[in-house]
Amino acid sequence: MNKLHRINKFSKMGIAFIAFAILFASCVPQEKMLYLKNPEMAAQNVSKEYVNDRSINYKLQPGDNLYIRALNVVDERAAAMLNGENNRSNYMSNDASIYLQSYTLDEQGCIELPLMGKIEVKNLTVDEAKNKLQALLDQYVNQTTLIVKLSNFNITVLGEVGKPGMYKVYQSQINLFEAVSMAGNMTSFAKRDEVKIIRQTDNGSEIITVDMGQANILSSDYYYLKPNDIIVIDPMAAKQWGFVSFPYSTVISIITLALSLYLALKKS
């Protein structure tokens, strides 16, 4: 009887030990879940400034869409001609409207406008393209102001975030933290120190790895995103033991059943 009691006690201790080991393996250290770590700022009332380039230097490429609207307080007919018949209201109710009311750069990087014809804007920033178009327009129509915006500023966030997917950006610039926030923030198992940015270049695709866990990301050249950037956030190795996916109840049930069978066989 004492021997059976000792075996039963040992079995319970074994189950507890295995459950504790699984639980410990699944835990993610708090240090790995933090953003903007900086040991120098551990003391209170300590601040540090990080300088970054906020200039918008994206160069237009074939396939980009420009929303162009002309305003003329003197001659509305001239503005209507430039805006096109479909742009009379100039209100955009959805993404399809934005696309239909924009001008797409062709393979040569040109757009074609009424009065002005075909104009190359490839490798110009949006502001540079606006200035070039405005100078050409002034030769045909007086007192007309152009509004030029990039209408296809999309970013994609994949991996360990709350809501992965593609997001449209209705502003001139967006940084990494804003993009991650749009996607529902990173999960507890996200690798904050190995965030990948896939960016299109003239030669193909470039993969950049940044550390969002360190404060110096604020001064990185990749802190501000460009149109069509893809952000990929990989999971930690601990996720395979994590609460989200690991079948704890099933494993413990199997272990309990096996020990019960063992004890029953020992009795017999």
C-alpha atoms as a PDB file:
ATOM      1  CA  MET A   1       0.000   0.000   0.000  1.00  0.00           C
ATOM      2  CA  ASN A   2       2.795   2.392   0.898  1.00  0.00           C
ATOM      3  CA  LYS A   3       4.521   1.524  -2.325  1.00  0.00           C
ATOM      4  CA  LEU A   4       1.360   2.297  -4.311  1.00  0.00           C
ATOM      5  CA  HIS A   5       0.968   5.554  -2.371  1.00  0.00           C
ATOM      6  CA  ARG A   6       4.538   6.515  -3.240  1.00  0.00           C
ATOM      7  CA  ILE A   7       3.952   5.754  -6.917  1.00  0.00           C
ATOM      8  CA  ASN A   8       0.735   7.775  -6.917  1.00  0.00           C
ATOM      9  CA  LYS A   9       2.494  10.700  -5.218  1.00  0.00           C
ATOM     10  CA  PHE A  10       5.370  10.468  -7.689  1.00  0.00           C
ATOM     11  CA  SER A  11       2.885  10.461 -10.596  1.00  0.00           C
ATOM     12  CA  LYS A  12       1.182  13.614  -9.359  1.00  0.00           C
ATOM     13  CA  MET A  13       4.542  15.312  -8.941  1.00  0.00           C
ATOM     14  CA  GLY A  14       5.478  14.256 -12.466  1.00  0.00           C
ATOM     15  CA  ILE A  15       2.305  15.767 -13.914  1.00  0.00           C
ATOM     16  CA  ALA A  16       2.886  18.998 -11.991  1.00  0.00           C
ATOM     17  CA  PHE A  17       6.500  19.168 -13.134  1.00  0.00           C
ATOM     18  CA  ILE A  18       5.587  18.616 -16.810  1.00  0.00           C
ATOM     19  CA  ALA A  19       2.801  21.217 -16.657  1.00  0.00           C
ATOM     20  CA  PHE A  20       5.160  23.718 -15.029  1.00  0.00           C
ATOM     21  CA  ALA A  21       7.851  23.044 -17.640  1.00  0.00           C
ATOM     22  CA  ILE A  22       5.379  23.622 -20.484  1.00  0.00           C
ATOM     23  CA  LEU A  23       4.074  26.790 -18.834  1.00  0.00           C
ATOM     24  CA  PHE A  24       7.604  28.121 -18.293  1.00  0.00           C
ATOM     25  CA  ALA A  25       8.590  27.371 -21.902  1.00  0.00           C
ATOM     26  CA  SER A  26       5.569  29.277 -23.193  1.00  0.00           C
ATOM     27  CA  CYS A  27       6.317  32.485 -21.303  1.00  0.00           C
ATOM     28  CA  VAL A  28       7.708  35.433 -23.274  1.00  0.00           C
ATOM     29  CA  PRO A  29      10.122  37.641 -21.280  1.00  0.00           C
ATOM     30  CA  GLN A  30       8.756  41.139 -20.804  1.00  0.00           C
ATOM     31  CA  GLU A  31      12.020  42.550 -22.172  1.00  0.00           C
ATOM     32  CA  LYS A  32      11.191  41.103 -25.599  1.00  0.00           C
ATOM     33  CA  MET A  33       7.745  42.750 -25.624  1.00  0.00           C
ATOM     34  CA  LEU A  34       8.942  46.331 -25.140  1.00  0.00           C
ATOM     35  CA  TYR A  35       9.325  49.110 -27.720  1.00  0.00           C
ATOM     36  CA  LEU A  36      11.964  51.845 -27.750  1.00  0.00           C
ATOM     37  CA  LYS A  37      14.285  50.429 -25.106  1.00  0.00           C
ATOM     38  CA  ASN A  38      17.136  52.713 -24.057  1.00  0.00           C
ATOM     39  CA  PRO A  39      19.204  51.968 -20.918  1.00  0.00           C
ATOM     40  CA  GLU A  40      20.445  55.566 -20.850  1.00  0.00           C
ATOM     41  CA  MET A  41      16.888  56.771 -20.224  1.00  0.00           C
ATOM     42  CA  ALA A  42      16.137  54.392 -17.351  1.00  0.00           C
ATOM     43  CA  ALA A  43      16.252  57.249 -14.839  1.00  0.00           C
ATOM     44  CA  GLN A  44      13.252  59.523 -14.510  1.00  0.00           C
ATOM     45  CA  ASN A  45      13.090  62.931 -16.159  1.00  0.00           C
ATOM     46  CA  VAL A  46      15.678  61.969 -18.785  1.00  0.00           C
ATOM     47  CA  SER A  47      14.980  62.815 -22.420  1.00  0.00           C
ATOM     48  CA  LYS A  48      16.830  62.337 -25.658  1.00  0.00           C
ATOM     49  CA  GLU A  49      16.189  63.725 -29.114  1.00  0.00           C
ATOM     50  CA  TYR A  50      16.403  61.519 -32.195  1.00  0.00           C
ATOM     51  CA  VAL A  51      16.904  63.302 -35.495  1.00  0.00           C
ATOM     52  CA  ASN A  52      15.330  61.826 -38.609  1.00  0.00           C
ATOM     53  CA  ASP A  53      14.658  62.924 -42.157  1.00  0.00           C
ATOM     54  CA  ARG A  54      10.990  63.809 -42.508  1.00  0.00           C
ATOM     55  CA  SER A  55      11.369  64.887 -46.126  1.00  0.00           C
ATOM     56  CA  ILE A  56       9.070  63.194 -48.602  1.00  0.00           C
ATOM     57  CA  ASN A  57      11.434  61.878 -51.245  1.00  0.00           C
ATOM     58  CA  TYR A  58       9.413  59.139 -52.918  1.00  0.00           C
ATOM     59  CA  LYS A  59      10.036  59.165 -56.665  1.00  0.00           C
ATOM     60  CA  LEU A  60       7.089  58.488 -58.949  1.00  0.00           C
ATOM     61  CA  GLN A  61       7.280  55.254 -60.919  1.00  0.00           C
ATOM     62  CA  PRO A  62       5.294  53.669 -63.782  1.00  0.00           C
ATOM     63  CA  GLY A  63       1.992  52.348 -62.457  1.00  0.00           C
ATOM     64  CA  ASP A  64       1.596  55.068 -59.814  1.00  0.00           C
ATOM     65  CA  ASN A  65      -1.672  56.998 -59.785  1.00  0.00           C
ATOM     66  CA  LEU A  66      -1.837  60.765 -59.407  1.00  0.00           C
ATOM     67  CA  TYR A  67      -5.008  62.566 -58.424  1.00  0.00           C
ATOM     68  CA  ILE A  68      -4.929  65.917 -60.222  1.00  0.00           C
ATOM     69  CA  ARG A  69      -7.532  68.631 -59.785  1.00  0.00           C
ATOM     70  CA  ALA A  70      -7.537  72.119 -61.289  1.00  0.00           C
ATOM     71  CA  LEU A  71      -9.039  75.129 -59.498  1.00  0.00           C
ATOM     72  CA  ASN A  72      -9.850  78.337 -61.348  1.00  0.00           C
ATOM     73  CA  VAL A  73     -11.977  81.015 -59.706  1.00  0.00           C
ATOM     74  CA  VAL A  74     -12.065  83.092 -62.898  1.00  0.00           C
ATOM     75  CA  ASP A  75     -12.924  80.508 -65.542  1.00  0.00           C
ATOM     76  CA  GLU A  76     -14.653  77.416 -64.181  1.00  0.00           C
ATOM     77  CA  ARG A  77     -15.004  75.979 -67.680  1.00  0.00           C
ATOM     78  CA  ALA A  78     -11.229  75.807 -68.065  1.00  0.00           C
ATOM     79  CA  ALA A  79     -10.926  73.967 -64.765  1.00  0.00           C
ATOM     80  CA  ALA A  80     -13.771  71.616 -65.741  1.00  0.00           C
ATOM     81  CA  MET A  81     -11.996  70.809 -68.994  1.00  0.00           C
ATOM     82  CA  LEU A  82      -8.842  69.821 -67.128  1.00  0.00           C
ATOM     83  CA  ASN A  83     -10.722  67.898 -64.470  1.00  0.00           C
ATOM     84  CA  GLY A  84     -12.776  65.957 -67.019  1.00  0.00           C
ATOM     85  CA  GLU A  85     -16.505  65.347 -67.243  1.00  0.00           C
ATOM     86  CA  ASN A  86     -16.401  62.642 -64.584  1.00  0.00           C
ATOM     87  CA  ASN A  87     -14.825  65.001 -62.051  1.00  0.00           C
ATOM     88  CA  ARG A  88     -17.531  67.697 -61.932  1.00  0.00           C
ATOM     89  CA  SER A  89     -18.382  67.038 -58.316  1.00  0.00           C
ATOM     90  CA  ASN A  90     -14.727  66.415 -57.344  1.00  0.00           C
ATOM     91  CA  TYR A  91     -15.897  64.262 -54.462  1.00  0.00           C
ATOM     92  CA  MET A  92     -14.386  60.835 -53.975  1.00  0.00           C
ATOM     93  CA  SER A  93     -16.692  58.425 -52.179  1.00  0.00           C
ATOM     94  CA  ASN A  94     -14.560  55.271 -52.322  1.00  0.00           C
ATOM     95  CA  ASP A  95     -11.284  53.767 -53.483  1.00  0.00           C
ATOM     96  CA  ALA A  96     -12.680  52.968 -56.921  1.00  0.00           C
ATOM     97  CA  SER A  97     -13.545  56.649 -57.408  1.00  0.00           C
ATOM     98  CA  ILE A  98     -10.034  57.654 -56.403  1.00  0.00           C
ATOM     99  CA  TYR A  99      -8.592  55.256 -58.966  1.00  0.00           C
ATOM    100  CA  LEU A 100     -10.970  56.308 -61.764  1.00  0.00           C
ATOM    101  CA  GLN A 101     -10.354  60.012 -61.153  1.00  0.00           C
ATOM    102  CA  SER A 102      -6.567  59.684 -61.149  1.00  0.00           C
ATOM    103  CA  TYR A 103      -3.941  59.603 -63.894  1.00  0.00           C
ATOM    104  CA  THR A 104      -1.768  56.479 -64.168  1.00  0.00           C
ATOM    105  CA  LEU A 105       1.887  56.754 -65.141  1.00  0.00           C
ATOM    106  CA  ASP A 106       2.478  54.634 -68.248  1.00  0.00           C
ATOM    107  CA  GLU A 107       5.523  52.416 -68.866  1.00  0.00           C
ATOM    108  CA  GLN A 108       7.565  55.494 -69.823  1.00  0.00           C
ATOM    109  CA  GLY A 109       6.521  57.285 -66.642  1.00  0.00           C
ATOM    110  CA  CYS A 110       4.237  59.755 -68.446  1.00  0.00           C
ATOM    111  CA  ILE A 111       0.692  60.982 -67.859  1.00  0.00           C
ATOM    112  CA  GLU A 112      -1.565  62.566 -70.467  1.00  0.00           C
ATOM    113  CA  LEU A 113      -3.557  65.661 -69.561  1.00  0.00           C
ATOM    114  CA  PRO A 114      -6.079  67.714 -71.556  1.00  0.00           C
ATOM    115  CA  LEU A 115      -4.495  70.739 -73.278  1.00  0.00           C
ATOM    116  CA  MET A 116      -0.970  69.780 -72.205  1.00  0.00           C
ATOM    117  CA  GLY A 117      -0.720  66.302 -73.747  1.00  0.00           C
ATOM    118  CA  LYS A 118       1.812  63.699 -72.604  1.00  0.00           C
ATOM    119  CA  ILE A 119       4.123  64.748 -69.768  1.00  0.00           C
ATOM    120  CA  GLU A 120       6.904  62.712 -68.156  1.00  0.00           C
ATOM    121  CA  VAL A 121       6.897  62.770 -64.371  1.00  0.00           C
ATOM    122  CA  LYS A 122       8.905  59.624 -63.653  1.00  0.00           C
ATOM    123  CA  ASN A 123      11.516  59.923 -60.882  1.00  0.00           C
ATOM    124  CA  LEU A 124       9.983  63.180 -59.640  1.00  0.00           C
ATOM    125  CA  THR A 125       8.518  63.659 -56.186  1.00  0.00           C
ATOM    126  CA  VAL A 126       4.852  64.617 -56.008  1.00  0.00           C
ATOM    127  CA  ASP A 127       5.805  68.232 -55.295  1.00  0.00           C
ATOM    128  CA  GLU A 128       8.247  68.293 -58.216  1.00  0.00           C
ATOM    129  CA  ALA A 129       5.587  66.826 -60.501  1.00  0.00           C
ATOM    130  CA  LYS A 130       3.097  69.429 -59.322  1.00  0.00           C
ATOM    131  CA  ASN A 131       5.524  72.288 -60.016  1.00  0.00           C
ATOM    132  CA  LYS A 132       6.283  70.938 -63.486  1.00  0.00           C
ATOM    133  CA  LEU A 133       2.608  70.528 -64.361  1.00  0.00           C
ATOM    134  CA  GLN A 134       1.762  73.952 -62.938  1.00  0.00           C
ATOM    135  CA  ALA A 135       4.458  75.636 -65.047  1.00  0.00           C
ATOM    136  CA  LEU A 136       3.144  73.952 -68.200  1.00  0.00           C
ATOM    137  CA  LEU A 137      -0.475  74.753 -67.363  1.00  0.00           C
ATOM    138  CA  ASP A 138       0.310  78.435 -66.860  1.00  0.00           C
ATOM    139  CA  GLN A 139       1.207  78.590 -70.548  1.00  0.00           C
ATOM    140  CA  TYR A 140      -2.364  77.675 -71.502  1.00  0.00           C
ATOM    141  CA  VAL A 141      -4.662  78.895 -68.719  1.00  0.00           C
ATOM    142  CA  ASN A 142      -4.260  81.861 -66.394  1.00  0.00           C
ATOM    143  CA  GLN A 143      -4.946  81.899 -62.657  1.00  0.00           C
ATOM    144  CA  THR A 144      -5.370  78.141 -62.340  1.00  0.00           C
ATOM    145  CA  THR A 145      -4.032  76.201 -59.384  1.00  0.00           C
ATOM    146  CA  LEU A 146      -3.318  72.486 -59.446  1.00  0.00           C
ATOM    147  CA  ILE A 147      -3.801  70.054 -56.585  1.00  0.00           C
ATOM    148  CA  VAL A 148      -1.641  66.946 -57.080  1.00  0.00           C
ATOM    149  CA  LYS A 149      -1.631  63.971 -54.702  1.00  0.00           C
ATOM    150  CA  LEU A 150      -0.463  60.372 -54.838  1.00  0.00           C
ATOM    151  CA  SER A 151      -3.629  58.290 -54.725  1.00  0.00           C
ATOM    152  CA  ASN A 152      -2.111  54.814 -54.310  1.00  0.00           C
ATOM    153  CA  PHE A 153      -0.153  55.094 -51.050  1.00  0.00           C
ATOM    154  CA  ASN A 154      -0.669  51.551 -49.756  1.00  0.00           C
ATOM    155  CA  ILE A 155       1.219  49.595 -47.121  1.00  0.00           C
ATOM    156  CA  THR A 156       0.925  45.911 -46.203  1.00  0.00           C
ATOM    157  CA  VAL A 157       1.519  44.493 -42.716  1.00  0.00           C
ATOM    158  CA  LEU A 158       1.884  40.726 -42.334  1.00  0.00           C
ATOM    159  CA  GLY A 159       2.723  38.291 -39.560  1.00  0.00           C
ATOM    160  CA  GLU A 160       2.408  38.765 -35.807  1.00  0.00           C
ATOM    161  CA  VAL A 161      -0.067  41.658 -35.683  1.00  0.00           C
ATOM    162  CA  GLY A 162      -3.686  41.853 -34.619  1.00  0.00           C
ATOM    163  CA  LYS A 163      -5.097  42.623 -38.080  1.00  0.00           C
ATOM    164  CA  PRO A 164      -2.712  41.740 -40.914  1.00  0.00           C
ATOM    165  CA  GLY A 165      -3.585  43.117 -44.343  1.00  0.00           C
ATOM    166  CA  MET A 166      -3.152  45.965 -46.798  1.00  0.00           C
ATOM    167  CA  TYR A 167      -3.939  49.492 -45.633  1.00  0.00           C
ATOM    168  CA  LYS A 168      -4.451  52.721 -47.544  1.00  0.00           C
ATOM    169  CA  VAL A 169      -2.704  55.813 -46.255  1.00  0.00           C
ATOM    170  CA  TYR A 170      -4.552  59.112 -46.720  1.00  0.00           C
ATOM    171  CA  GLN A 171      -1.640  61.334 -45.749  1.00  0.00           C
ATOM    172  CA  SER A 172       1.717  62.280 -47.191  1.00  0.00           C
ATOM    173  CA  GLN A 173       3.807  60.141 -44.827  1.00  0.00           C
ATOM    174  CA  ILE A 174       3.511  57.392 -42.236  1.00  0.00           C
ATOM    175  CA  ASN A 175       6.036  55.872 -39.844  1.00  0.00           C
ATOM    176  CA  LEU A 176       6.555  52.285 -38.679  1.00  0.00           C
ATOM    177  CA  PHE A 177       4.698  52.679 -35.393  1.00  0.00           C
ATOM    178  CA  GLU A 178       1.678  54.222 -37.093  1.00  0.00           C
ATOM    179  CA  ALA A 179       1.600  51.356 -39.591  1.00  0.00           C
ATOM    180  CA  VAL A 180       1.802  48.715 -36.849  1.00  0.00           C
ATOM    181  CA  SER A 181      -0.923  50.542 -34.930  1.00  0.00           C
ATOM    182  CA  MET A 182      -3.196  50.459 -37.995  1.00  0.00           C
ATOM    183  CA  ALA A 183      -2.686  46.689 -38.108  1.00  0.00           C
ATOM    184  CA  GLY A 184      -3.785  46.209 -34.489  1.00  0.00           C
ATOM    185  CA  ASN A 185      -0.325  46.313 -32.841  1.00  0.00           C
ATOM    186  CA  MET A 186       2.133  43.417 -32.544  1.00  0.00           C
ATOM    187  CA  THR A 187       1.199  40.286 -30.642  1.00  0.00           C
ATOM    188  CA  SER A 188       3.097  39.097 -27.566  1.00  0.00           C
ATOM    189  CA  PHE A 189       5.043  36.640 -29.727  1.00  0.00           C
ATOM    190  CA  ALA A 190       6.238  39.176 -32.328  1.00  0.00           C
ATOM    191  CA  LYS A 191       9.965  39.587 -32.993  1.00  0.00           C
ATOM    192  CA  ARG A 192      10.246  43.314 -32.374  1.00  0.00           C
ATOM    193  CA  ASP A 193      14.008  43.202 -32.939  1.00  0.00           C
ATOM    194  CA  GLU A 194      13.756  41.671 -36.439  1.00  0.00           C
ATOM    195  CA  VAL A 195      11.045  43.558 -38.303  1.00  0.00           C
ATOM    196  CA  LYS A 196      11.453  43.220 -42.066  1.00  0.00           C
ATOM    197  CA  ILE A 197      10.557  45.919 -44.593  1.00  0.00           C
ATOM    198  CA  ILE A 198      10.241  44.850 -48.226  1.00  0.00           C
ATOM    199  CA  ARG A 199      10.685  47.867 -50.503  1.00  0.00           C
ATOM    200  CA  GLN A 200      10.538  48.121 -54.279  1.00  0.00           C
ATOM    201  CA  THR A 201      13.603  49.565 -56.000  1.00  0.00           C
ATOM    202  CA  ASP A 202      14.654  50.164 -59.598  1.00  0.00           C
ATOM    203  CA  ASN A 203      16.448  46.811 -59.547  1.00  0.00           C
ATOM    204  CA  GLY A 204      13.754  44.741 -57.829  1.00  0.00           C
ATOM    205  CA  SER A 205      12.932  44.250 -54.149  1.00  0.00           C
ATOM    206  CA  GLU A 206      15.046  45.170 -51.138  1.00  0.00           C
ATOM    207  CA  ILE A 207      14.655  43.573 -47.683  1.00  0.00           C
ATOM    208  CA  ILE A 208      15.623  45.736 -44.712  1.00  0.00           C
ATOM    209  CA  THR A 209      15.652  44.454 -41.117  1.00  0.00           C
ATOM    210  CA  VAL A 210      15.061  46.972 -38.320  1.00  0.00           C
ATOM    211  CA  ASP A 211      14.821  46.744 -34.535  1.00  0.00           C
ATOM    212  CA  MET A 212      11.653  48.405 -33.216  1.00  0.00           C
ATOM    213  CA  GLY A 213      12.634  47.426 -29.688  1.00  0.00           C
ATOM    214  CA  GLN A 214      15.461  49.981 -29.612  1.00  0.00           C
ATOM    215  CA  ALA A 215      14.914  53.723 -29.332  1.00  0.00           C
ATOM    216  CA  ASN A 216      17.389  54.520 -32.106  1.00  0.00           C
ATOM    217  CA  ILE A 217      14.816  53.294 -34.644  1.00  0.00           C
ATOM    218  CA  LEU A 218      13.487  56.871 -34.430  1.00  0.00           C
ATOM    219  CA  SER A 219      16.554  58.133 -36.302  1.00  0.00           C
ATOM    220  CA  SER A 220      16.666  55.291 -38.829  1.00  0.00           C
ATOM    221  CA  ASP A 221      16.448  55.998 -42.559  1.00  0.00           C
ATOM    222  CA  TYR A 222      13.633  53.431 -42.653  1.00  0.00           C
ATOM    223  CA  TYR A 223      11.526  54.909 -39.836  1.00  0.00           C
ATOM    224  CA  TYR A 224       9.253  56.571 -42.401  1.00  0.00           C
ATOM    225  CA  LEU A 225       7.652  54.220 -44.898  1.00  0.00           C
ATOM    226  CA  LYS A 226       7.243  54.591 -48.644  1.00  0.00           C
ATOM    227  CA  PRO A 227       4.265  53.661 -50.839  1.00  0.00           C
ATOM    228  CA  ASN A 228       3.822  49.912 -51.355  1.00  0.00           C
ATOM    229  CA  ASP A 229       6.177  48.948 -48.519  1.00  0.00           C
ATOM    230  CA  ILE A 230       5.505  45.507 -47.024  1.00  0.00           C
ATOM    231  CA  ILE A 231       6.165  44.990 -43.304  1.00  0.00           C
ATOM    232  CA  VAL A 232       6.750  41.387 -42.209  1.00  0.00           C
ATOM    233  CA  ILE A 233       6.831  40.537 -38.492  1.00  0.00           C
ATOM    234  CA  ASP A 234       7.981  36.999 -37.717  1.00  0.00           C
ATOM    235  CA  PRO A 235       6.973  35.035 -34.590  1.00  0.00           C
ATOM    236  CA  MET A 236       9.359  34.107 -31.791  1.00  0.00           C
ATOM    237  CA  ALA A 237      10.374  30.473 -31.471  1.00  0.00           C
ATOM    238  CA  ALA A 238       8.425  30.400 -28.181  1.00  0.00           C
ATOM    239  CA  LYS A 239       5.150  30.647 -30.065  1.00  0.00           C
ATOM    240  CA  GLN A 240       5.147  26.930 -30.845  1.00  0.00           C
ATOM    241  CA  TRP A 241       4.748  26.406 -27.090  1.00  0.00           C
ATOM    242  CA  GLY A 242       2.478  29.395 -26.658  1.00  0.00           C
ATOM    243  CA  PHE A 243      -0.979  29.597 -25.152  1.00  0.00           C
ATOM    244  CA  VAL A 244      -2.511  30.418 -28.501  1.00  0.00           C
ATOM    245  CA  SER A 245      -1.636  27.202 -30.264  1.00  0.00           C
ATOM    246  CA  PHE A 246      -0.318  24.645 -27.757  1.00  0.00           C
ATOM    247  CA  PRO A 247      -2.954  22.022 -26.717  1.00  0.00           C
ATOM    248  CA  TYR A 248      -2.214  21.975 -22.988  1.00  0.00           C
ATOM    249  CA  SER A 249      -5.394  20.216 -21.919  1.00  0.00           C
ATOM    250  CA  THR A 250      -4.888  17.468 -24.493  1.00  0.00           C
ATOM    251  CA  VAL A 251      -1.267  16.832 -23.478  1.00  0.00           C
ATOM    252  CA  ILE A 252      -2.059  16.761 -19.758  1.00  0.00           C
ATOM    253  CA  SER A 253      -5.042  14.474 -20.363  1.00  0.00           C
ATOM    254  CA  ILE A 254      -2.855  12.031 -22.312  1.00  0.00           C
ATOM    255  CA  ILE A 255      -0.202  12.051 -19.578  1.00  0.00           C
ATOM    256  CA  THR A 256      -2.845  11.516 -16.866  1.00  0.00           C
ATOM    257  CA  LEU A 257      -4.433   8.656 -18.813  1.00  0.00           C
ATOM    258  CA  ALA A 258      -1.067   7.000 -19.368  1.00  0.00           C
ATOM    259  CA  LEU A 259      -0.176   7.204 -15.681  1.00  0.00           C
ATOM    260  CA  SER A 260      -3.605   5.902 -14.679  1.00  0.00           C
ATOM    261  CA  LEU A 261      -3.199   2.906 -16.962  1.00  0.00           C
ATOM    262  CA  TYR A 262       0.267   2.336 -15.541  1.00  0.00           C
ATOM    263  CA  LEU A 263      -1.042   2.392 -11.989  1.00  0.00           C
ATOM    264  CA  ALA A 264      -3.932   0.090 -12.890  1.00  0.00           C
ATOM    265  CA  LEU A 265      -1.541  -2.402 -14.438  1.00  0.00           C
ATOM    266  CA  LYS A 266       0.712  -2.185 -11.378  1.00  0.00           C
ATOM    267  CA  LYS A 267      -2.263  -3.031  -9.131  1.00  0.00           C
ATOM    268  CA  SER A 268      -3.134  -6.052 -11.160  1.00  0.00           C
END
